[in-house]
């Protein structure tokens, strides 16, 4: 997981965009499941419709409103697995210096 670049200037506090990558580290394929990123008002979810083969992975860009949160793989507990302890990751990013305010357009 890594922060993605934000806008060059803003007139509001911009969301934090993260590239979230997940992987199937097991020996068997996993069927379809949902990934949930909780970092603000409501969790952001995406569906891995085709599942993941053993050793496979995928990434998605997700924007949240908080610098503290969690990523939960198989959020709806759909995949039968022997190790569920590695399905959640807590994150906390330092609050970056925000970009400068965008200039206010001059009336014409």
PDB file of N, CA and C in Angstrom:
ATOM      1  N   UNK A   1       0.847  -1.144   0.000  1.00  0.00           N
ATOM      2  CA  UNK A   1       0.000   0.000   0.000  1.00  0.00           C
ATOM      3  C   UNK A   1       0.904   1.220   0.000  1.00  0.00           C
ATOM      4  N   UNK A   2       0.572   2.184  -0.882  1.00  0.00           N
ATOM      5  CA  UNK A   2       1.375   3.395  -0.977  1.00  0.00           C
ATOM      6  C   UNK A   2       0.498   4.569  -1.346  1.00  0.00           C
ATOM      7  N   UNK A   3       0.760   5.746  -0.759  1.00  0.00           N
ATOM      8  CA  UNK A   3      -0.019   6.927  -1.148  1.00  0.00           C
ATOM      9  C   UNK A   3       0.213   7.267  -2.609  1.00  0.00           C
ATOM     10  N   UNK A   4      -0.846   7.693  -3.283  1.00  0.00           N
ATOM     11  CA  UNK A   4      -0.742   8.138  -4.673  1.00  0.00           C
ATOM     12  C   UNK A   4      -0.670   9.663  -4.684  1.00  0.00           C
ATOM     13  N   UNK A   5      -0.092  10.260  -5.730  1.00  0.00           N
ATOM     14  CA  UNK A   5       0.036  11.714  -5.755  1.00  0.00           C
ATOM     15  C   UNK A   5      -1.318  12.398  -5.779  1.00  0.00           C
ATOM     16  N   UNK A   6      -1.406  13.546  -5.117  1.00  0.00           N
ATOM     17  CA  UNK A   6      -2.644  14.312  -5.066  1.00  0.00           C
ATOM     18  C   UNK A   6      -2.601  15.474  -6.039  1.00  0.00           C
ATOM     19  N   UNK A   7      -3.589  16.368  -5.945  1.00  0.00           N
ATOM     20  CA  UNK A   7      -3.647  17.497  -6.873  1.00  0.00           C
ATOM     21  C   UNK A   7      -2.551  18.517  -6.576  1.00  0.00           C
ATOM     22  N   UNK A   8      -2.178  19.359  -7.574  1.00  0.00           N
ATOM     23  CA  UNK A   8      -1.126  20.358  -7.362  1.00  0.00           C
ATOM     24  C   UNK A   8      -1.593  21.500  -6.464  1.00  0.00           C
ATOM     25  N   UNK A   9      -2.903  21.769  -6.410  1.00  0.00           N
ATOM     26  CA  UNK A   9      -3.454  22.773  -5.508  1.00  0.00           C
ATOM     27  C   UNK A   9      -4.889  22.366  -5.187  1.00  0.00           C
ATOM     28  N   UNK A  10      -5.488  22.988  -4.181  1.00  0.00           N
ATOM     29  CA  UNK A  10      -6.838  22.577  -3.800  1.00  0.00           C
ATOM     30  C   UNK A  10      -7.581  23.738  -3.143  1.00  0.00           C
ATOM     31  N   UNK A  11      -8.894  23.634  -3.127  1.00  0.00           N
ATOM     32  CA  UNK A  11      -9.749  24.573  -2.413  1.00  0.00           C
ATOM     33  C   UNK A  11     -10.560  23.833  -1.347  1.00  0.00           C
ATOM     34  N   UNK A  12     -10.170  22.656  -1.028  1.00  0.00           N
ATOM     35  CA  UNK A  12     -10.765  21.816   0.002  1.00  0.00           C
ATOM     36  C   UNK A  12      -9.675  20.864   0.445  1.00  0.00           C
ATOM     37  N   UNK A  13      -9.905  20.134   1.516  1.00  0.00           N
ATOM     38  CA  UNK A  13      -8.883  19.169   1.931  1.00  0.00           C
ATOM     39  C   UNK A  13      -9.016  17.927   1.069  1.00  0.00           C
ATOM     40  N   UNK A  14      -8.021  17.603   0.269  1.00  0.00           N
ATOM     41  CA  UNK A  14      -8.157  16.498  -0.692  1.00  0.00           C
ATOM     42  C   UNK A  14      -8.153  15.139   0.009  1.00  0.00           C
ATOM     43  N   UNK A  15      -8.806  14.144  -0.596  1.00  0.00           N
ATOM     44  CA  UNK A  15      -8.750  12.798  -0.028  1.00  0.00           C
ATOM     45  C   UNK A  15      -7.356  12.201  -0.213  1.00  0.00           C
ATOM     46  N   UNK A  16      -7.076  11.203   0.565  1.00  0.00           N
ATOM     47  CA  UNK A  16      -5.824  10.467   0.440  1.00  0.00           C
ATOM     48  C   UNK A  16      -6.094   9.279  -0.465  1.00  0.00           C
ATOM     49  N   UNK A  17      -5.362   9.179  -1.557  1.00  0.00           N
ATOM     50  CA  UNK A  17      -5.547   8.063  -2.480  1.00  0.00           C
ATOM     51  C   UNK A  17      -4.418   7.062  -2.271  1.00  0.00           C
ATOM     52  N   UNK A  18      -4.800   5.806  -2.146  1.00  0.00           N
ATOM     53  CA  UNK A  18      -3.862   4.724  -1.874  1.00  0.00           C
ATOM     54  C   UNK A  18      -3.917   3.698  -2.989  1.00  0.00           C
ATOM     55  N   UNK A  19      -2.780   3.165  -3.363  1.00  0.00           N
ATOM     56  CA  UNK A  19      -2.751   1.993  -4.221  1.00  0.00           C
ATOM     57  C   UNK A  19      -2.691   0.790  -3.293  1.00  0.00           C
ATOM     58  N   UNK A  20      -3.779   0.024  -3.260  1.00  0.00           N
ATOM     59  CA  UNK A  20      -3.883  -1.130  -2.371  1.00  0.00           C
ATOM     60  C   UNK A  20      -3.666  -2.393  -3.201  1.00  0.00           C
ATOM     61  N   UNK A  21      -2.662  -3.187  -2.816  1.00  0.00           N
ATOM     62  CA  UNK A  21      -2.370  -4.439  -3.517  1.00  0.00           C
ATOM     63  C   UNK A  21      -2.635  -5.609  -2.576  1.00  0.00           C
ATOM     64  N   UNK A  22      -3.295  -6.624  -3.091  1.00  0.00           N
ATOM     65  CA  UNK A  22      -3.595  -7.828  -2.316  1.00  0.00           C
ATOM     66  C   UNK A  22      -3.005  -9.030  -3.047  1.00  0.00           C
ATOM     67  N   UNK A  23      -2.780 -10.110  -2.304  1.00  0.00           N
ATOM     68  CA  UNK A  23      -2.207 -11.313  -2.909  1.00  0.00           C
ATOM     69  C   UNK A  23      -2.763 -12.553  -2.229  1.00  0.00           C
ATOM     70  N   UNK A  24      -2.886 -13.612  -3.000  1.00  0.00           N
ATOM     71  CA  UNK A  24      -3.254 -14.917  -2.460  1.00  0.00           C
ATOM     72  C   UNK A  24      -1.938 -15.634  -2.146  1.00  0.00           C
ATOM     73  N   UNK A  25      -1.600 -15.722  -0.871  1.00  0.00           N
ATOM     74  CA  UNK A  25      -0.342 -16.352  -0.465  1.00  0.00           C
ATOM     75  C   UNK A  25      -0.529 -17.820  -0.109  1.00  0.00           C
ATOM     76  N   UNK A  26      -1.732 -18.340  -0.344  1.00  0.00           N
ATOM     77  CA  UNK A  26      -2.010 -19.742  -0.046  1.00  0.00           C
ATOM     78  C   UNK A  26      -1.601 -20.668  -1.182  1.00  0.00           C
ATOM     79  N   UNK A  27      -1.875 -21.955  -0.984  1.00  0.00           N
ATOM     80  CA  UNK A  27      -1.530 -22.976  -1.982  1.00  0.00           C
ATOM     81  C   UNK A  27      -2.669 -23.287  -2.940  1.00  0.00           C
ATOM     82  N   UNK A  28      -3.878 -22.782  -2.645  1.00  0.00           N
ATOM     83  CA  UNK A  28      -5.055 -23.057  -3.470  1.00  0.00           C
ATOM     84  C   UNK A  28      -5.648 -21.753  -3.985  1.00  0.00           C
ATOM     85  N   UNK A  29      -6.437 -21.872  -5.049  1.00  0.00           N
ATOM     86  CA  UNK A  29      -7.124 -20.700  -5.594  1.00  0.00           C
ATOM     87  C   UNK A  29      -8.206 -20.240  -4.624  1.00  0.00           C
ATOM     88  N   UNK A  30      -8.461 -18.929  -4.624  1.00  0.00           N
ATOM     89  CA  UNK A  30      -9.539 -18.346  -3.820  1.00  0.00           C
ATOM     90  C   UNK A  30     -10.650 -17.915  -4.760  1.00  0.00           C
ATOM     91  N   UNK A  31     -11.880 -18.201  -4.390  1.00  0.00           N
ATOM     92  CA  UNK A  31     -13.030 -17.779  -5.185  1.00  0.00           C
ATOM     93  C   UNK A  31     -13.268 -16.286  -5.041  1.00  0.00           C
ATOM     94  N   UNK A  32     -14.353 -15.777  -5.606  1.00  0.00           N
ATOM     95  CA  UNK A  32     -14.662 -14.349  -5.546  1.00  0.00           C
ATOM     96  C   UNK A  32     -14.780 -13.846  -4.098  1.00  0.00           C
ATOM     97  N   UNK A  33     -14.393 -12.595  -3.893  1.00  0.00           N
ATOM     98  CA  UNK A  33     -14.471 -11.994  -2.563  1.00  0.00           C
ATOM     99  C   UNK A  33     -14.453 -10.486  -2.677  1.00  0.00           C
ATOM    100  N   UNK A  34     -14.698  -9.806  -1.561  1.00  0.00           N
ATOM    101  CA  UNK A  34     -14.739  -8.353  -1.498  1.00  0.00           C
ATOM    102  C   UNK A  34     -13.585  -7.837  -0.649  1.00  0.00           C
ATOM    103  N   UNK A  35     -12.999  -6.726  -1.070  1.00  0.00           N
ATOM    104  CA  UNK A  35     -11.969  -6.032  -0.309  1.00  0.00           C
ATOM    105  C   UNK A  35     -12.601  -4.740   0.206  1.00  0.00           C
ATOM    106  N   UNK A  36     -12.392  -4.432   1.480  1.00  0.00           N
ATOM    107  CA  UNK A  36     -12.948  -3.227   2.088  1.00  0.00           C
ATOM    108  C   UNK A  36     -11.813  -2.379   2.658  1.00  0.00           C
ATOM    109  N   UNK A  37     -11.815  -1.087   2.310  1.00  0.00           N
ATOM    110  CA  UNK A  37     -10.833  -0.148   2.847  1.00  0.00           C
ATOM    111  C   UNK A  37     -11.617   0.852   3.692  1.00  0.00           C
ATOM    112  N   UNK A  38     -11.374   0.830   4.995  1.00  0.00           N
ATOM    113  CA  UNK A  38     -12.071   1.718   5.916  1.00  0.00           C
ATOM    114  C   UNK A  38     -11.101   2.809   6.332  1.00  0.00           C
ATOM    115  N   UNK A  39     -11.367   4.011   5.881  1.00  0.00           N
ATOM    116  CA  UNK A  39     -10.494   5.125   6.209  1.00  0.00           C
ATOM    117  C   UNK A  39     -11.248   6.430   6.091  1.00  0.00           C
ATOM    118  N   UNK A  40     -12.353   6.523   6.787  1.00  0.00           N
ATOM    119  CA  UNK A  40     -13.140   7.748   6.708  1.00  0.00           C
ATOM    120  C   UNK A  40     -14.587   7.504   7.024  1.00  0.00           C
ATOM    121  N   UNK A  41     -15.459   8.232   6.323  1.00  0.00           N
ATOM    122  CA  UNK A  41     -16.882   8.185   6.634  1.00  0.00           C
ATOM    123  C   UNK A  41     -17.494   6.833   6.332  1.00  0.00           C
ATOM    124  N   UNK A  42     -17.264   6.289   5.160  1.00  0.00           N
ATOM    125  CA  UNK A  42     -17.824   4.983   4.805  1.00  0.00           C
ATOM    126  C   UNK A  42     -16.735   4.149   4.150  1.00  0.00           C
ATOM    127  N   UNK A  43     -16.731   2.839   4.403  1.00  0.00           N
ATOM    128  CA  UNK A  43     -15.720   1.995   3.751  1.00  0.00           C
ATOM    129  C   UNK A  43     -15.865   2.027   2.231  1.00  0.00           C
ATOM    130  N   UNK A  44     -14.745   1.946   1.551  1.00  0.00           N
ATOM    131  CA  UNK A  44     -14.713   1.828   0.096  1.00  0.00           C
ATOM    132  C   UNK A  44     -14.469   0.350  -0.192  1.00  0.00           C
ATOM    133  N   UNK A  45     -15.264  -0.246  -1.069  1.00  0.00           N
ATOM    134  CA  UNK A  45     -15.097  -1.671  -1.362  1.00  0.00           C
ATOM    135  C   UNK A  45     -14.892  -1.883  -2.854  1.00  0.00           C
ATOM    136  N   UNK A  46     -14.240  -2.993  -3.161  1.00  0.00           N
ATOM    137  CA  UNK A  46     -14.202  -3.461  -4.541  1.00  0.00           C
ATOM    138  C   UNK A  46     -14.282  -4.971  -4.530  1.00  0.00           C
ATOM    139  N   UNK A  47     -14.810  -5.507  -5.604  1.00  0.00           N
ATOM    140  CA  UNK A  47     -15.078  -6.937  -5.726  1.00  0.00           C
ATOM    141  C   UNK A  47     -14.034  -7.578  -6.620  1.00  0.00           C
ATOM    142  N   UNK A  48     -13.479  -8.693  -6.158  1.00  0.00           N
ATOM    143  CA  UNK A  48     -12.559  -9.499  -6.967  1.00  0.00           C
ATOM    144  C   UNK A  48     -13.418 -10.640  -7.518  1.00  0.00           C
ATOM    145  N   UNK A  49     -14.071 -10.370  -8.665  1.00  0.00           N
ATOM    146  CA  UNK A  49     -15.072 -11.292  -9.213  1.00  0.00           C
ATOM    147  C   UNK A  49     -14.501 -12.637  -9.628  1.00  0.00           C
ATOM    148  N   UNK A  50     -13.296 -12.638 -10.166  1.00  0.00           N
ATOM    149  CA  UNK A  50     -12.732 -13.907 -10.655  1.00  0.00           C
ATOM    150  C   UNK A  50     -11.927 -14.638  -9.583  1.00  0.00           C
ATOM    151  N   UNK A  51     -11.830 -14.069  -8.378  1.00  0.00           N
ATOM    152  CA  UNK A  51     -11.000 -14.685  -7.354  1.00  0.00           C
ATOM    153  C   UNK A  51      -9.531 -14.523  -7.706  1.00  0.00           C
ATOM    154  N   UNK A  52      -8.683 -15.228  -6.965  1.00  0.00           N
ATOM    155  CA  UNK A  52      -7.241 -15.182  -7.231  1.00  0.00           C
ATOM    156  C   UNK A  52      -6.663 -16.592  -7.205  1.00  0.00           C
ATOM    157  N   UNK A  53      -5.870 -16.909  -8.200  1.00  0.00           N
ATOM    158  CA  UNK A  53      -5.141 -18.177  -8.196  1.00  0.00           C
ATOM    159  C   UNK A  53      -4.056 -18.111  -7.125  1.00  0.00           C
ATOM    160  N   UNK A  54      -3.575 -19.258  -6.696  1.00  0.00           N
ATOM    161  CA  UNK A  54      -2.486 -19.296  -5.714  1.00  0.00           C
ATOM    162  C   UNK A  54      -1.301 -18.493  -6.251  1.00  0.00           C
ATOM    163  N   UNK A  55      -0.787 -17.578  -5.434  1.00  0.00           N
ATOM    164  CA  UNK A  55       0.350 -16.755  -5.825  1.00  0.00           C
ATOM    165  C   UNK A  55      -0.012 -15.525  -6.632  1.00  0.00           C
ATOM    166  N   UNK A  56      -1.273 -15.380  -7.029  1.00  0.00           N
ATOM    167  CA  UNK A  56      -1.713 -14.232  -7.820  1.00  0.00           C
ATOM    168  C   UNK A  56      -2.046 -13.043  -6.933  1.00  0.00           C
ATOM    169  N   UNK A  57      -2.130 -11.871  -7.535  1.00  0.00           N
ATOM    170  CA  UNK A  57      -2.499 -10.669  -6.805  1.00  0.00           C
ATOM    171  C   UNK A  57      -3.085  -9.636  -7.741  1.00  0.00           C
ATOM    172  N   UNK A  58      -3.588  -8.553  -7.161  1.00  0.00           N
ATOM    173  CA  UNK A  58      -4.078  -7.438  -7.954  1.00  0.00           C
ATOM    174  C   UNK A  58      -4.040  -6.170  -7.107  1.00  0.00           C
ATOM    175  N   UNK A  59      -4.079  -5.026  -7.785  1.00  0.00           N
ATOM    176  CA  UNK A  59      -4.023  -3.733  -7.107  1.00  0.00           C
ATOM    177  C   UNK A  59      -5.199  -2.875  -7.556  1.00  0.00           C
ATOM    178  N   UNK A  60      -5.574  -1.912  -6.693  1.00  0.00           N
ATOM    179  CA  UNK A  60      -6.644  -0.981  -7.022  1.00  0.00           C
ATOM    180  C   UNK A  60      -6.336   0.360  -6.358  1.00  0.00           C
ATOM    181  N   UNK A  61      -6.707   1.446  -7.015  1.00  0.00           N
ATOM    182  CA  UNK A  61      -6.551   2.785  -6.446  1.00  0.00           C
ATOM    183  C   UNK A  61      -7.808   3.095  -5.654  1.00  0.00           C
ATOM    184  N   UNK A  62      -7.635   3.445  -4.384  1.00  0.00           N
ATOM    185  CA  UNK A  62      -8.747   3.717  -3.483  1.00  0.00           C
ATOM    186  C   UNK A  62      -8.500   5.040  -2.782  1.00  0.00           C
ATOM    187  N   UNK A  63      -9.523   5.896  -2.711  1.00  0.00           N
ATOM    188  CA  UNK A  63      -9.390   7.181  -2.034  1.00  0.00           C
ATOM    189  C   UNK A  63     -10.209   7.169  -0.745  1.00  0.00           C
ATOM    190  N   UNK A  64      -9.593   7.624   0.332  1.00  0.00           N
ATOM    191  CA  UNK A  64     -10.223   7.668   1.646  1.00  0.00           C
ATOM    192  C   UNK A  64     -10.100   9.080   2.201  1.00  0.00           C
ATOM    193  N   UNK A  65     -10.752   9.337   3.329  1.00  0.00           N
ATOM    194  CA  UNK A  65     -10.742  10.690   3.895  1.00  0.00           C
ATOM    195  C   UNK A  65      -9.938  10.777   5.183  1.00  0.00           C
ATOM    196  N   UNK A  66      -9.312   9.686   5.594  1.00  0.00           N
ATOM    197  CA  UNK A  66      -8.570   9.677   6.846  1.00  0.00           C
ATOM    198  C   UNK A  66      -7.193   9.078   6.624  1.00  0.00           C
ATOM    199  N   UNK A  67      -6.256   9.457   7.461  1.00  0.00           N
ATOM    200  CA  UNK A  67      -4.905   8.917   7.367  1.00  0.00           C
ATOM    201  C   UNK A  67      -4.742   7.678   8.247  1.00  0.00           C
ATOM    202  N   UNK A  68      -5.826   7.277   8.907  1.00  0.00           N
ATOM    203  CA  UNK A  68      -5.826   6.095   9.769  1.00  0.00           C
ATOM    204  C   UNK A  68      -6.979   5.205   9.317  1.00  0.00           C
ATOM    205  N   UNK A  69      -6.747   3.915   9.183  1.00  0.00           N
ATOM    206  CA  UNK A  69      -7.813   3.019   8.767  1.00  0.00           C
ATOM    207  C   UNK A  69      -7.346   1.591   8.673  1.00  0.00           C
ATOM    208  N   UNK A  70      -8.088   0.801   7.894  1.00  0.00           N
ATOM    209  CA  UNK A  70      -7.736  -0.604   7.732  1.00  0.00           C
ATOM    210  C   UNK A  70      -8.159  -1.099   6.363  1.00  0.00           C
ATOM    211  N   UNK A  71      -7.469  -2.135   5.914  1.00  0.00           N
ATOM    212  CA  UNK A  71      -7.814  -2.855   4.687  1.00  0.00           C
ATOM    213  C   UNK A  71      -8.205  -4.257   5.126  1.00  0.00           C
ATOM    214  N   UNK A  72      -9.373  -4.702   4.693  1.00  0.00           N
ATOM    215  CA  UNK A  72      -9.838  -6.052   5.041  1.00  0.00           C
ATOM    216  C   UNK A  72     -10.087  -6.824   3.747  1.00  0.00           C
ATOM    217  N   UNK A  73      -9.352  -7.922   3.574  1.00  0.00           N
ATOM    218  CA  UNK A  73      -9.519  -8.803   2.425  1.00  0.00           C
ATOM    219  C   UNK A  73     -10.540  -9.870   2.809  1.00  0.00           C
ATOM    220  N   UNK A  74     -11.409 -10.230   1.884  1.00  0.00           N
ATOM    221  CA  UNK A  74     -12.506 -11.160   2.142  1.00  0.00           C
ATOM    222  C   UNK A  74     -13.385 -10.615   3.268  1.00  0.00           C
ATOM    223  N   UNK A  75     -13.819  -9.368   3.079  1.00  0.00           N
ATOM    224  CA  UNK A  75     -14.577  -8.649   4.106  1.00  0.00           C
ATOM    225  C   UNK A  75     -15.882  -9.345   4.475  1.00  0.00           C
ATOM    226  N   UNK A  76     -16.468 -10.088   3.543  1.00  0.00           N
ATOM    227  CA  UNK A  76     -17.733 -10.775   3.805  1.00  0.00           C
ATOM    228  C   UNK A  76     -17.540 -12.243   4.192  1.00  0.00           C
ATOM    229  N   UNK A  77     -16.288 -12.653   4.432  1.00  0.00           N
ATOM    230  CA  UNK A  77     -15.953 -14.010   4.860  1.00  0.00           C
ATOM    231  C   UNK A  77     -16.496 -15.078   3.904  1.00  0.00           C
ATOM    232  N   UNK A  78     -16.241 -14.875   2.601  1.00  0.00           N
ATOM    233  CA  UNK A  78     -16.738 -15.788   1.570  1.00  0.00           C
ATOM    234  C   UNK A  78     -15.772 -16.916   1.226  1.00  0.00           C
ATOM    235  N   UNK A  79     -14.487 -16.695   1.473  1.00  0.00           N
ATOM    236  CA  UNK A  79     -13.470 -17.666   1.062  1.00  0.00           C
ATOM    237  C   UNK A  79     -13.128 -18.567   2.240  1.00  0.00           C
ATOM    238  N   UNK A  80     -13.206 -19.843   2.015  1.00  0.00           N
ATOM    239  CA  UNK A  80     -12.815 -20.803   3.045  1.00  0.00           C
ATOM    240  C   UNK A  80     -11.293 -20.875   3.056  1.00  0.00           C
ATOM    241  N   UNK A  81     -10.714 -20.659   4.232  1.00  0.00           N
ATOM    242  CA  UNK A  81      -9.252 -20.633   4.320  1.00  0.00           C
ATOM    243  C   UNK A  81      -8.797 -21.064   5.700  1.00  0.00           C
ATOM    244  N   UNK A  82      -7.561 -21.498   5.770  1.00  0.00           N
ATOM    245  CA  UNK A  82      -7.021 -21.981   7.049  1.00  0.00           C
ATOM    246  C   UNK A  82      -6.406 -20.863   7.880  1.00  0.00           C
ATOM    247  N   UNK A  83      -5.970 -19.772   7.232  1.00  0.00           N
ATOM    248  CA  UNK A  83      -5.345 -18.654   7.963  1.00  0.00           C
ATOM    249  C   UNK A  83      -6.090 -17.366   7.652  1.00  0.00           C
ATOM    250  N   UNK A  84      -6.871 -16.880   8.589  1.00  0.00           N
ATOM    251  CA  UNK A  84      -7.597 -15.624   8.396  1.00  0.00           C
ATOM    252  C   UNK A  84      -6.899 -14.456   9.080  1.00  0.00           C
ATOM    253  N   UNK A  85      -5.867 -14.745   9.880  1.00  0.00           N
ATOM    254  CA  UNK A  85      -5.192 -13.679  10.631  1.00  0.00           C
ATOM    255  C   UNK A  85      -4.492 -12.669   9.722  1.00  0.00           C
ATOM    256  N   UNK A  86      -4.235 -13.033   8.478  1.00  0.00           N
ATOM    257  CA  UNK A  86      -3.525 -12.117   7.582  1.00  0.00           C
ATOM    258  C   UNK A  86      -4.479 -11.383   6.639  1.00  0.00           C
ATOM    259  N   UNK A  87      -5.775 -11.334   6.968  1.00  0.00           N
ATOM    260  CA  UNK A  87      -6.754 -10.699   6.089  1.00  0.00           C
ATOM    261  C   UNK A  87      -7.006  -9.233   6.412  1.00  0.00           C
ATOM    262  N   UNK A  88      -6.380  -8.706   7.449  1.00  0.00           N
ATOM    263  CA  UNK A  88      -6.607  -7.303   7.802  1.00  0.00           C
ATOM    264  C   UNK A  88      -5.268  -6.606   8.031  1.00  0.00           C
ATOM    265  N   UNK A  89      -5.203  -5.373   7.564  1.00  0.00           N
ATOM    266  CA  UNK A  89      -4.006  -4.553   7.744  1.00  0.00           C
ATOM    267  C   UNK A  89      -4.451  -3.188   8.230  1.00  0.00           C
ATOM    268  N   UNK A  90      -3.950  -2.779   9.380  1.00  0.00           N
ATOM    269  CA  UNK A  90      -4.200  -1.433   9.894  1.00  0.00           C
ATOM    270  C   UNK A  90      -3.172  -0.505   9.262  1.00  0.00           C
ATOM    271  N   UNK A  91      -3.599   0.711   8.906  1.00  0.00           N
ATOM    272  CA  UNK A  91      -2.633   1.658   8.372  1.00  0.00           C
ATOM    273  C   UNK A  91      -2.771   3.004   9.069  1.00  0.00           C
ATOM    274  N   UNK A  92      -1.647   3.709   9.111  1.00  0.00           N
ATOM    275  CA  UNK A  92      -1.614   5.072   9.618  1.00  0.00           C
ATOM    276  C   UNK A  92      -0.505   5.786   8.881  1.00  0.00           C
ATOM    277  N   UNK A  93      -0.866   6.805   8.135  1.00  0.00           N
ATOM    278  CA  UNK A  93       0.096   7.592   7.400  1.00  0.00           C
ATOM    279  C   UNK A  93       0.280   8.930   8.090  1.00  0.00           C
ATOM    280  N   UNK A  94       1.482   9.472   8.102  1.00  0.00           N
ATOM    281  CA  UNK A  94       1.653  10.816   8.662  1.00  0.00           C
ATOM    282  C   UNK A  94       0.874  11.821   7.820  1.00  0.00           C
ATOM    283  N   UNK A  95       0.320  12.825   8.468  1.00  0.00           N
ATOM    284  CA  UNK A  95      -0.417  13.861   7.749  1.00  0.00           C
ATOM    285  C   UNK A  95       0.581  14.691   6.950  1.00  0.00           C
ATOM    286  N   UNK A  96       0.461  14.690   5.621  1.00  0.00           N
ATOM    287  CA  UNK A  96       1.425  15.439   4.810  1.00  0.00           C
ATOM    288  C   UNK A  96       1.102  16.933   4.822  1.00  0.00           C
ATOM    289  N   UNK A  97       2.055  17.711   4.412  1.00  0.00           N
ATOM    290  CA  UNK A  97       1.815  19.134   4.220  1.00  0.00           C
ATOM    291  C   UNK A  97       0.900  19.271   3.006  1.00  0.00           C
ATOM    292  N   UNK A  98      -0.262  19.903   3.171  1.00  0.00           N
ATOM    293  CA  UNK A  98      -1.174  19.992   2.030  1.00  0.00           C
ATOM    294  C   UNK A  98      -0.612  20.893   0.944  1.00  0.00           C
ATOM    295  N   UNK A  99      -1.032  20.668  -0.301  1.00  0.00           N
ATOM    296  CA  UNK A  99      -0.595  21.553  -1.380  1.00  0.00           C
ATOM    297  C   UNK A  99      -1.186  22.944  -1.180  1.00  0.00           C
ATOM    298  N   UNK A 100      -0.643  23.957  -1.856  1.00  0.00           N
ATOM    299  CA  UNK A 100      -1.161  25.315  -1.668  1.00  0.00           C
ATOM    300  C   UNK A 100      -2.582  25.435  -2.187  1.00  0.00           C
ATOM    301  N   UNK A 101      -3.285  26.455  -1.682  1.00  0.00           N
ATOM    302  CA  UNK A 101      -4.631  26.745  -2.177  1.00  0.00           C
ATOM    303  C   UNK A 101      -4.548  27.163  -3.633  1.00  0.00           C
ATOM    304  N   UNK A 102      -5.541  26.759  -4.424  1.00  0.00           N
ATOM    305  CA  UNK A 102      -5.597  27.189  -5.817  1.00  0.00           C
ATOM    306  C   UNK A 102      -5.902  28.689  -5.854  1.00  0.00           C
ATOM    307  N   UNK A 103      -5.353  29.410  -6.810  1.00  0.00           N
ATOM    308  CA  UNK A 103      -5.635  30.840  -6.892  1.00  0.00           C
ATOM    309  C   UNK A 103      -7.118  31.082  -7.171  1.00  0.00           C
ATOM    310  N   UNK A 104      -7.639  32.141  -6.588  1.00  0.00           N
ATOM    311  CA  UNK A 104      -9.018  32.514  -6.820  1.00  0.00           C
ATOM    312  C   UNK A 104      -9.100  33.262  -8.142  1.00  0.00           C
ATOM    313  N   UNK A 105     -10.018  32.850  -9.030  1.00  0.00           N
ATOM    314  CA  UNK A 105     -10.112  33.542 -10.307  1.00  0.00           C
ATOM    315  C   UNK A 105     -10.515  35.015 -10.110  1.00  0.00           C
ATOM    316  N   UNK A 106      -9.911  35.887 -10.875  1.00  0.00           N
ATOM    317  CA  UNK A 106     -10.249  37.308 -10.818  1.00  0.00           C
ATOM    318  C   UNK A 106     -11.525  37.562 -11.604  1.00  0.00           C
ATOM    319  N   UNK A 107     -12.418  38.423 -11.054  1.00  0.00           N
ATOM    320  CA  UNK A 107     -13.633  38.734 -11.831  1.00  0.00           C
ATOM    321  C   UNK A 107     -13.267  39.526 -13.084  1.00  0.00           C
ATOM    322  N   UNK A 108     -13.983  39.280 -14.152  1.00  0.00           N
ATOM    323  CA  UNK A 108     -13.683  39.982 -15.403  1.00  0.00           C
ATOM    324  C   UNK A 108     -14.766  40.973 -15.751  1.00  0.00           C
TER     325      UNK A 108
END
